[in-house]
N, C-alpha and C. Protein backbone atom coordinates (compact mmCIF):
# COMPACT_ATOMS: atom_id res chain seq x y z
N MET A 1 -41.45 14.29 -82.98
CA MET A 1 -40.39 14.30 -82.15
C MET A 1 -40.76 14.95 -80.77
N GLU A 2 -41.61 15.79 -80.83
CA GLU A 2 -42.20 16.48 -79.48
C GLU A 2 -42.67 15.48 -78.72
N LEU A 3 -43.45 14.47 -79.34
CA LEU A 3 -44.27 13.43 -78.41
C LEU A 3 -43.16 12.62 -77.69
N ILE A 4 -41.89 12.27 -78.46
CA ILE A 4 -40.86 11.64 -77.82
C ILE A 4 -40.27 12.43 -76.80
N ALA A 5 -40.10 13.54 -76.86
CA ALA A 5 -39.51 14.48 -75.84
C ALA A 5 -40.35 14.57 -74.59
N ASP A 6 -41.63 14.59 -74.88
CA ASP A 6 -42.50 14.69 -73.62
C ASP A 6 -42.47 13.29 -72.93
N ILE A 7 -42.50 12.31 -73.74
CA ILE A 7 -42.46 10.87 -72.93
C ILE A 7 -41.17 10.84 -72.23
N LEU A 8 -40.16 11.18 -72.70
CA LEU A 8 -38.79 11.20 -71.83
C LEU A 8 -38.83 12.10 -70.84
N LEU A 9 -39.43 13.34 -70.87
CA LEU A 9 -39.52 14.16 -70.01
C LEU A 9 -40.38 13.54 -68.59
N ALA A 10 -41.51 13.07 -69.10
CA ALA A 10 -42.36 12.39 -68.03
C ALA A 10 -41.68 11.40 -67.40
N ALA A 11 -40.85 10.47 -68.07
CA ALA A 11 -40.26 9.24 -67.55
C ALA A 11 -39.25 9.84 -66.66
N GLY A 12 -38.51 10.70 -66.97
CA GLY A 12 -37.47 11.67 -66.06
C GLY A 12 -37.96 11.96 -64.77
N ALA A 13 -39.24 12.71 -64.93
CA ALA A 13 -39.87 13.18 -63.83
C ALA A 13 -40.38 12.00 -62.75
N MET A 14 -40.91 11.02 -63.41
CA MET A 14 -41.29 9.87 -62.74
C MET A 14 -39.93 9.30 -61.84
N GLY A 15 -38.95 9.16 -62.56
CA GLY A 15 -37.62 8.51 -62.03
C GLY A 15 -37.29 9.38 -60.84
N ALA A 16 -37.27 10.78 -61.18
CA ALA A 16 -36.93 11.56 -60.00
C ALA A 16 -37.62 11.60 -58.87
N GLY A 17 -38.88 11.29 -59.06
CA GLY A 17 -39.96 11.32 -57.90
C GLY A 17 -39.72 10.20 -57.25
N PHE A 18 -39.50 8.82 -57.87
CA PHE A 18 -39.28 7.54 -57.37
C PHE A 18 -37.85 7.66 -56.40
N TYR A 19 -36.88 8.20 -56.76
CA TYR A 19 -35.54 8.37 -56.35
C TYR A 19 -35.88 9.25 -54.95
N CYS A 20 -36.57 10.21 -55.02
CA CYS A 20 -36.89 10.98 -53.92
C CYS A 20 -37.69 10.23 -52.83
N LEU A 21 -38.61 9.39 -53.21
CA LEU A 21 -39.27 8.66 -52.43
C LEU A 21 -38.29 7.62 -51.58
N VAL A 22 -37.39 7.03 -52.47
CA VAL A 22 -36.58 6.00 -51.63
C VAL A 22 -35.63 6.75 -50.78
N LEU A 23 -35.11 8.08 -50.98
CA LEU A 23 -34.34 8.88 -50.18
C LEU A 23 -34.96 9.24 -48.83
N SER A 24 -36.32 9.52 -49.14
CA SER A 24 -37.16 10.08 -47.97
C SER A 24 -37.14 8.96 -46.84
N ARG A 25 -37.36 7.69 -47.38
CA ARG A 25 -37.74 6.51 -46.50
C ARG A 25 -36.38 6.22 -45.82
N ARG A 26 -35.31 6.17 -46.55
CA ARG A 26 -33.93 6.03 -46.14
C ARG A 26 -33.63 7.01 -44.86
N LEU A 27 -33.86 8.14 -45.15
CA LEU A 27 -33.65 9.26 -44.08
C LEU A 27 -34.36 8.99 -42.86
N LYS A 28 -35.78 8.69 -43.17
CA LYS A 28 -36.56 8.40 -41.78
C LYS A 28 -35.91 7.28 -41.12
N ARG A 29 -35.44 6.19 -41.77
CA ARG A 29 -34.91 4.92 -40.90
C ARG A 29 -33.64 5.57 -40.32
N PHE A 30 -32.86 6.51 -40.87
CA PHE A 30 -31.68 6.86 -40.33
C PHE A 30 -31.73 7.61 -39.06
N ASN A 31 -32.79 8.45 -38.94
CA ASN A 31 -33.02 9.50 -37.95
C ASN A 31 -34.14 8.75 -37.09
N ASP A 32 -34.44 7.61 -37.09
CA ASP A 32 -35.33 6.81 -36.15
C ASP A 32 -34.94 6.77 -34.78
N LEU A 33 -35.53 7.11 -33.63
CA LEU A 33 -35.21 7.23 -32.43
C LEU A 33 -34.76 5.91 -31.73
N GLU A 34 -35.32 4.91 -32.31
CA GLU A 34 -35.21 3.49 -31.66
C GLU A 34 -34.02 2.77 -32.43
N LYS A 35 -34.06 2.84 -33.66
CA LYS A 35 -33.02 1.84 -34.35
C LYS A 35 -31.94 2.64 -35.01
N GLY A 36 -32.14 3.80 -35.43
CA GLY A 36 -31.11 4.57 -36.23
C GLY A 36 -30.20 5.30 -35.49
N VAL A 37 -29.41 6.30 -36.18
CA VAL A 37 -28.45 7.16 -35.44
C VAL A 37 -28.89 7.88 -34.60
N GLY A 38 -30.10 8.42 -34.73
CA GLY A 38 -30.93 9.31 -33.65
C GLY A 38 -31.00 8.50 -32.38
N GLY A 39 -31.31 7.19 -32.29
CA GLY A 39 -31.45 6.33 -31.24
C GLY A 39 -29.87 6.40 -30.55
N ALA A 40 -29.08 6.16 -31.35
CA ALA A 40 -27.69 5.91 -30.76
C ALA A 40 -27.28 7.22 -30.08
N VAL A 41 -27.65 8.33 -30.80
CA VAL A 41 -27.23 9.73 -30.30
C VAL A 41 -28.03 9.89 -28.92
N ALA A 42 -29.24 9.39 -28.79
CA ALA A 42 -29.98 9.71 -27.67
C ALA A 42 -29.26 8.73 -26.41
N VAL A 43 -28.89 7.68 -26.65
CA VAL A 43 -28.48 6.54 -25.75
C VAL A 43 -27.13 7.37 -25.35
N LEU A 44 -26.35 7.61 -26.27
CA LEU A 44 -24.89 8.37 -25.74
C LEU A 44 -25.08 9.44 -24.90
N SER A 45 -26.11 10.21 -25.27
CA SER A 45 -26.46 11.42 -24.33
C SER A 45 -27.03 11.16 -23.02
N ALA A 46 -27.79 10.09 -22.95
CA ALA A 46 -28.29 9.72 -21.54
C ALA A 46 -26.94 9.06 -20.78
N GLN A 47 -26.09 8.28 -21.44
CA GLN A 47 -24.90 7.64 -20.72
C GLN A 47 -23.92 8.77 -20.22
N VAL A 48 -23.78 9.99 -21.02
CA VAL A 48 -22.91 11.16 -20.60
C VAL A 48 -23.65 11.64 -19.42
N ASP A 49 -24.76 11.84 -19.41
CA ASP A 49 -25.66 12.65 -18.26
C ASP A 49 -25.13 11.52 -16.95
N ASP A 50 -25.29 10.24 -17.14
CA ASP A 50 -25.19 9.28 -16.06
C ASP A 50 -23.71 9.51 -15.59
N LEU A 51 -22.72 9.28 -16.47
CA LEU A 51 -21.45 9.48 -16.09
C LEU A 51 -21.04 10.61 -15.33
N ASN A 52 -21.60 12.03 -15.74
CA ASN A 52 -21.50 13.15 -15.02
C ASN A 52 -21.96 13.09 -13.66
N LYS A 53 -23.20 12.70 -13.40
CA LYS A 53 -23.72 12.42 -11.96
C LYS A 53 -22.63 11.38 -11.28
N SER A 54 -22.30 10.41 -11.82
CA SER A 54 -21.39 9.53 -11.17
C SER A 54 -20.01 10.23 -10.68
N LEU A 55 -19.48 10.83 -11.80
CA LEU A 55 -18.35 11.77 -11.47
C LEU A 55 -18.60 12.61 -10.12
N LEU A 56 -19.58 13.54 -10.34
CA LEU A 56 -19.88 14.47 -9.18
C LEU A 56 -19.96 13.62 -8.01
N ALA A 57 -20.72 12.41 -7.88
CA ALA A 57 -20.77 11.80 -6.49
C ALA A 57 -19.40 11.18 -6.10
N ALA A 58 -18.76 10.89 -6.95
CA ALA A 58 -17.31 10.33 -6.55
C ALA A 58 -16.51 11.42 -6.18
N ARG A 59 -16.43 12.55 -6.74
CA ARG A 59 -15.70 13.74 -6.15
C ARG A 59 -16.30 14.08 -4.81
N HIS A 60 -17.48 14.12 -4.62
CA HIS A 60 -18.18 14.43 -3.16
C HIS A 60 -17.45 13.45 -2.33
N VAL A 61 -17.62 12.22 -2.52
CA VAL A 61 -17.18 11.17 -1.60
C VAL A 61 -15.68 11.39 -1.37
N SER A 62 -14.88 11.60 -2.42
CA SER A 62 -13.37 11.74 -2.15
C SER A 62 -13.06 12.98 -1.32
N ASP A 63 -13.80 13.98 -1.43
CA ASP A 63 -13.65 15.21 -0.76
C ASP A 63 -13.91 14.88 0.71
N GLY A 64 -14.92 14.14 1.08
CA GLY A 64 -15.19 13.87 2.35
C GLY A 64 -14.20 12.86 3.12
N SER A 65 -13.57 12.04 2.16
CA SER A 65 -12.60 11.04 2.66
C SER A 65 -11.37 11.87 2.86
N SER A 66 -11.14 12.80 2.03
CA SER A 66 -9.93 13.47 2.20
C SER A 66 -9.82 14.54 3.60
N LYS A 67 -11.15 15.01 3.78
CA LYS A 67 -11.28 15.69 5.01
C LYS A 67 -11.06 14.80 6.21
N ALA A 68 -11.94 13.59 6.22
CA ALA A 68 -11.62 12.83 7.32
C ALA A 68 -10.16 12.27 7.64
N LEU A 69 -9.42 11.92 6.46
CA LEU A 69 -8.12 11.61 6.63
C LEU A 69 -7.18 12.71 7.04
N ASP A 70 -7.48 13.94 6.76
CA ASP A 70 -6.69 15.06 7.34
C ASP A 70 -6.83 15.06 8.83
N GLN A 71 -8.34 15.00 9.25
CA GLN A 71 -8.65 14.89 10.66
C GLN A 71 -7.83 13.81 11.55
N LEU A 72 -7.96 12.55 10.95
CA LEU A 72 -7.13 11.55 11.59
C LEU A 72 -5.73 11.73 11.57
N THR A 73 -5.03 12.34 10.66
CA THR A 73 -3.68 12.48 10.45
C THR A 73 -3.17 13.57 11.49
N GLY A 74 -3.94 14.55 11.68
CA GLY A 74 -3.98 15.56 12.89
C GLY A 74 -3.84 14.95 14.21
N ARG A 75 -4.84 14.07 14.24
CA ARG A 75 -5.03 13.46 15.57
C ARG A 75 -3.84 12.53 15.77
N ALA A 76 -3.26 11.82 15.06
CA ALA A 76 -2.28 10.80 15.03
C ALA A 76 -1.07 11.71 15.52
N GLU A 77 -0.81 12.75 14.83
CA GLU A 77 0.39 13.52 15.05
C GLU A 77 0.44 13.98 16.50
N SER A 78 -0.80 14.49 17.05
CA SER A 78 -0.79 15.05 18.51
C SER A 78 -0.43 13.67 19.32
N VAL A 79 -1.05 12.58 19.00
CA VAL A 79 -0.70 11.56 19.94
C VAL A 79 0.80 10.98 19.86
N ALA A 80 1.28 11.29 18.72
CA ALA A 80 2.73 10.91 18.52
C ALA A 80 3.52 11.93 19.34
N GLN A 81 3.15 13.11 19.43
CA GLN A 81 3.95 14.17 20.28
C GLN A 81 3.77 13.81 21.82
N ARG A 82 2.61 13.49 22.04
CA ARG A 82 2.43 13.11 23.48
C ARG A 82 3.16 11.89 23.95
N LEU A 83 3.32 10.98 22.99
CA LEU A 83 4.03 9.72 23.31
C LEU A 83 5.67 9.87 23.42
N GLU A 84 5.87 10.79 22.43
CA GLU A 84 7.39 11.19 22.51
C GLU A 84 7.70 12.00 23.95
N LEU A 85 6.79 12.94 24.20
CA LEU A 85 6.90 13.47 25.59
C LEU A 85 7.06 12.46 26.77
N MET A 86 6.12 11.54 26.78
CA MET A 86 5.90 10.44 27.82
C MET A 86 7.30 9.78 27.65
N MET A 87 7.60 9.42 26.60
CA MET A 87 9.05 8.54 26.49
C MET A 87 10.27 9.47 27.08
N ALA A 88 10.13 10.58 26.56
CA ALA A 88 11.23 11.51 27.15
C ALA A 88 11.26 11.68 28.82
N SER A 89 9.92 11.86 29.15
CA SER A 89 9.93 11.99 30.79
C SER A 89 10.37 10.63 31.46
N MET A 90 10.18 9.39 30.68
CA MET A 90 10.52 8.06 31.23
C MET A 90 12.05 8.09 31.30
N HIS A 91 12.66 8.68 30.46
CA HIS A 91 14.12 8.40 30.45
C HIS A 91 14.77 9.41 31.39
N ASP A 92 13.90 10.28 32.06
CA ASP A 92 14.62 11.23 33.05
C ASP A 92 14.40 10.63 34.40
N MET A 93 13.62 9.65 34.59
CA MET A 93 13.38 9.08 35.96
C MET A 93 14.51 8.07 36.28
N PRO A 94 14.79 8.26 37.59
CA PRO A 94 15.72 7.20 37.95
C PRO A 94 15.18 5.63 38.00
N GLU A 95 16.19 4.79 37.77
CA GLU A 95 15.55 3.30 37.89
C GLU A 95 15.74 3.00 39.38
N ALA A 96 14.40 2.34 39.68
CA ALA A 96 14.14 2.03 41.11
C ALA A 96 14.56 0.55 41.12
N SER A 97 15.10 -0.04 41.90
CA SER A 97 15.18 -1.58 42.18
C SER A 97 13.94 -2.10 42.66
N ALA A 98 13.33 -2.68 41.78
CA ALA A 98 11.78 -3.28 42.22
C ALA A 98 12.04 -4.87 42.86
N PRO A 99 11.30 -5.00 43.97
CA PRO A 99 11.55 -6.33 44.66
C PRO A 99 10.78 -7.35 43.75
N GLU A 100 11.27 -8.54 43.99
CA GLU A 100 10.67 -9.72 43.08
C GLU A 100 9.35 -10.05 43.69
N LEU A 101 8.34 -9.98 42.62
CA LEU A 101 6.87 -10.15 42.81
C LEU A 101 6.44 -11.56 42.62
N LYS A 102 5.56 -11.90 43.21
CA LYS A 102 5.07 -13.38 42.78
C LYS A 102 4.27 -13.27 41.52
N PRO A 103 4.17 -14.06 40.66
CA PRO A 103 3.36 -14.04 39.48
C PRO A 103 1.77 -13.62 39.43
N GLU A 104 1.19 -13.91 40.61
CA GLU A 104 -0.21 -13.38 40.84
C GLU A 104 -0.36 -11.96 41.06
N THR A 105 0.63 -11.50 41.82
CA THR A 105 0.81 -10.09 42.19
C THR A 105 1.10 -9.22 41.18
N ALA A 106 2.07 -9.90 40.32
CA ALA A 106 2.70 -9.22 39.08
C ALA A 106 1.37 -8.79 38.04
N ALA A 107 0.76 -9.93 37.86
CA ALA A 107 -0.43 -9.88 36.89
C ALA A 107 -1.41 -8.93 37.57
N SER A 108 -1.70 -8.69 38.71
CA SER A 108 -2.64 -7.71 39.18
C SER A 108 -2.29 -6.48 39.18
N ALA A 109 -0.90 -6.27 39.39
CA ALA A 109 -0.12 -4.96 39.38
C ALA A 109 -0.10 -4.30 37.82
N ALA A 110 -0.23 -5.30 36.80
CA ALA A 110 -0.02 -4.91 35.51
C ALA A 110 -1.45 -4.58 35.09
N ALA A 111 -2.57 -5.28 35.52
CA ALA A 111 -3.81 -4.92 35.31
C ALA A 111 -4.24 -3.69 35.88
N GLU A 112 -3.71 -3.25 37.08
CA GLU A 112 -4.02 -1.87 37.57
C GLU A 112 -3.37 -0.72 36.90
N GLU A 113 -2.21 -1.19 36.58
CA GLU A 113 -1.43 -0.10 35.78
C GLU A 113 -2.19 0.14 34.47
N SER A 114 -2.47 -0.74 33.62
CA SER A 114 -3.19 -0.70 32.34
C SER A 114 -4.48 0.12 32.58
N ASP A 115 -5.31 -0.29 33.68
CA ASP A 115 -6.48 0.39 33.90
C ASP A 115 -6.22 2.04 34.20
N ALA A 116 -5.14 2.14 35.00
CA ALA A 116 -4.84 3.59 35.31
C ALA A 116 -4.32 4.30 34.09
N LEU A 117 -3.69 3.79 33.30
CA LEU A 117 -3.34 4.24 31.80
C LEU A 117 -4.57 4.48 31.10
N ALA A 118 -5.46 3.63 31.01
CA ALA A 118 -6.66 3.93 30.14
C ALA A 118 -7.38 5.06 30.78
N ALA A 119 -7.52 4.87 32.05
CA ALA A 119 -8.38 6.20 32.65
C ALA A 119 -7.73 7.39 32.49
N ALA A 120 -6.33 7.41 32.44
CA ALA A 120 -5.52 8.65 32.14
C ALA A 120 -5.60 9.22 30.72
N TYR A 121 -5.58 8.05 29.90
CA TYR A 121 -5.74 8.32 28.38
C TYR A 121 -7.10 9.08 28.03
N GLU A 122 -8.17 8.44 28.70
CA GLU A 122 -9.36 8.99 28.35
C GLU A 122 -9.60 10.25 28.81
N ALA A 123 -9.13 10.62 30.05
CA ALA A 123 -9.25 11.92 30.67
C ALA A 123 -8.53 12.89 30.07
N ASP A 124 -7.41 12.46 29.41
CA ASP A 124 -6.47 13.38 28.61
C ASP A 124 -7.01 13.30 27.15
N ALA A 125 -7.79 12.56 26.57
CA ALA A 125 -8.10 12.66 25.13
C ALA A 125 -8.93 14.09 25.02
N GLU A 126 -8.69 14.32 23.74
CA GLU A 126 -9.34 15.56 23.21
C GLU A 126 -10.72 15.45 22.66
N PRO A 127 -11.46 16.47 23.11
CA PRO A 127 -13.00 16.30 22.71
C PRO A 127 -13.09 16.10 21.31
N GLU A 128 -14.02 15.28 20.91
CA GLU A 128 -14.02 14.89 19.48
C GLU A 128 -14.94 16.14 18.76
N VAL A 129 -14.47 16.49 17.59
CA VAL A 129 -15.13 17.50 16.90
C VAL A 129 -16.42 17.08 16.23
N ALA A 130 -17.28 17.77 16.30
CA ALA A 130 -18.88 17.23 15.75
C ALA A 130 -18.41 17.18 14.17
N ALA A 131 -18.87 16.03 13.69
CA ALA A 131 -18.76 15.65 12.33
C ALA A 131 -19.83 16.25 11.55
N GLU A 132 -19.41 16.68 10.25
CA GLU A 132 -20.37 17.32 9.47
C GLU A 132 -21.22 16.26 9.03
N PRO A 133 -22.62 16.66 8.89
CA PRO A 133 -23.60 15.69 8.26
C PRO A 133 -22.91 15.30 6.88
N GLU A 134 -23.19 13.97 6.78
CA GLU A 134 -22.99 13.46 5.53
C GLU A 134 -23.87 13.74 4.44
N PRO A 135 -23.51 14.11 3.16
CA PRO A 135 -24.52 14.50 2.09
C PRO A 135 -25.31 13.23 1.82
N ALA A 136 -26.44 13.38 1.24
CA ALA A 136 -27.30 12.21 0.69
C ALA A 136 -26.45 11.57 -0.34
N LYS A 137 -26.57 10.12 -0.19
CA LYS A 137 -25.58 9.36 -1.32
C LYS A 137 -26.58 8.97 -2.28
N PRO A 138 -26.21 9.17 -3.51
CA PRO A 138 -26.96 8.66 -4.61
C PRO A 138 -27.07 7.05 -4.48
N ALA A 139 -28.01 6.59 -5.27
CA ALA A 139 -28.37 5.20 -5.35
C ALA A 139 -27.18 4.47 -6.01
N GLY A 140 -26.50 5.05 -7.14
CA GLY A 140 -25.63 4.18 -7.80
C GLY A 140 -24.13 4.59 -7.44
N LEU A 141 -23.77 4.74 -6.24
CA LEU A 141 -22.42 4.80 -5.93
C LEU A 141 -21.49 3.72 -6.34
N MET A 142 -20.28 4.16 -6.70
CA MET A 142 -19.19 3.29 -7.15
C MET A 142 -18.54 2.77 -5.99
N PHE A 143 -18.31 3.70 -4.85
CA PHE A 143 -17.58 3.50 -3.63
C PHE A 143 -18.17 3.70 -2.38
N VAL A 144 -17.95 2.71 -1.43
CA VAL A 144 -18.69 2.80 -0.13
C VAL A 144 -17.87 3.17 0.85
N ARG A 145 -18.30 4.16 1.81
CA ARG A 145 -17.34 4.51 2.68
C ARG A 145 -17.84 3.85 3.98
N HIS A 146 -16.81 3.02 4.72
CA HIS A 146 -17.00 2.56 5.85
C HIS A 146 -16.74 3.42 6.97
N ASN A 147 -17.71 3.55 8.08
CA ASN A 147 -17.65 4.29 9.26
C ASN A 147 -16.97 3.67 10.32
N ARG A 148 -15.50 3.75 10.58
CA ARG A 148 -15.02 3.11 11.45
C ARG A 148 -15.17 3.45 12.82
N ALA A 149 -15.77 4.71 13.00
CA ALA A 149 -15.76 5.38 14.50
C ALA A 149 -17.19 4.64 14.88
N GLN A 150 -17.83 3.97 14.38
CA GLN A 150 -19.04 3.27 14.89
C GLN A 150 -18.53 1.97 15.90
N GLY A 151 -17.35 1.38 15.61
CA GLY A 151 -17.10 0.40 16.25
C GLY A 151 -15.99 0.49 17.54
N ARG A 152 -15.86 1.90 17.66
CA ARG A 152 -14.81 2.27 18.74
C ARG A 152 -15.82 2.40 20.12
N VAL A 153 -15.11 1.99 21.09
CA VAL A 153 -15.65 2.13 22.62
C VAL A 153 -14.98 3.35 23.08
N ALA A 154 -15.95 4.23 23.50
CA ALA A 154 -15.28 5.45 24.01
C ALA A 154 -15.09 5.35 25.58
């Protein structure tokens, strides 16, 4: 009877050892950094880091755009005030009877008037505020800011 008990005990120990071996191999595959859940966790962690960097870059760009928009809005409001004053001063002037001009002289008078207005506007224009240097842009930007000031003629 003791012999049978010893054989069963040895068989149970061998079965438990085989079961532990199978579990060990499955656990190694489960935590494998290339194919298993460990790899998925590593990939997701890298993606979260990339998204955080993109979010910071987008926030930086939107802050700069907001500042530029505030400056442009201020300039537009000041120009609108000046235009209102000009319009109000034009209403106060008496109407003068203008003699009939030939088409050639009317065109040259209009050109001279527009040149004079352009010169007065440039002389009256506010000096531009020195722009803050733009921060270095990351390589993977989602949005691109177009600088419209480069196309202007001063």
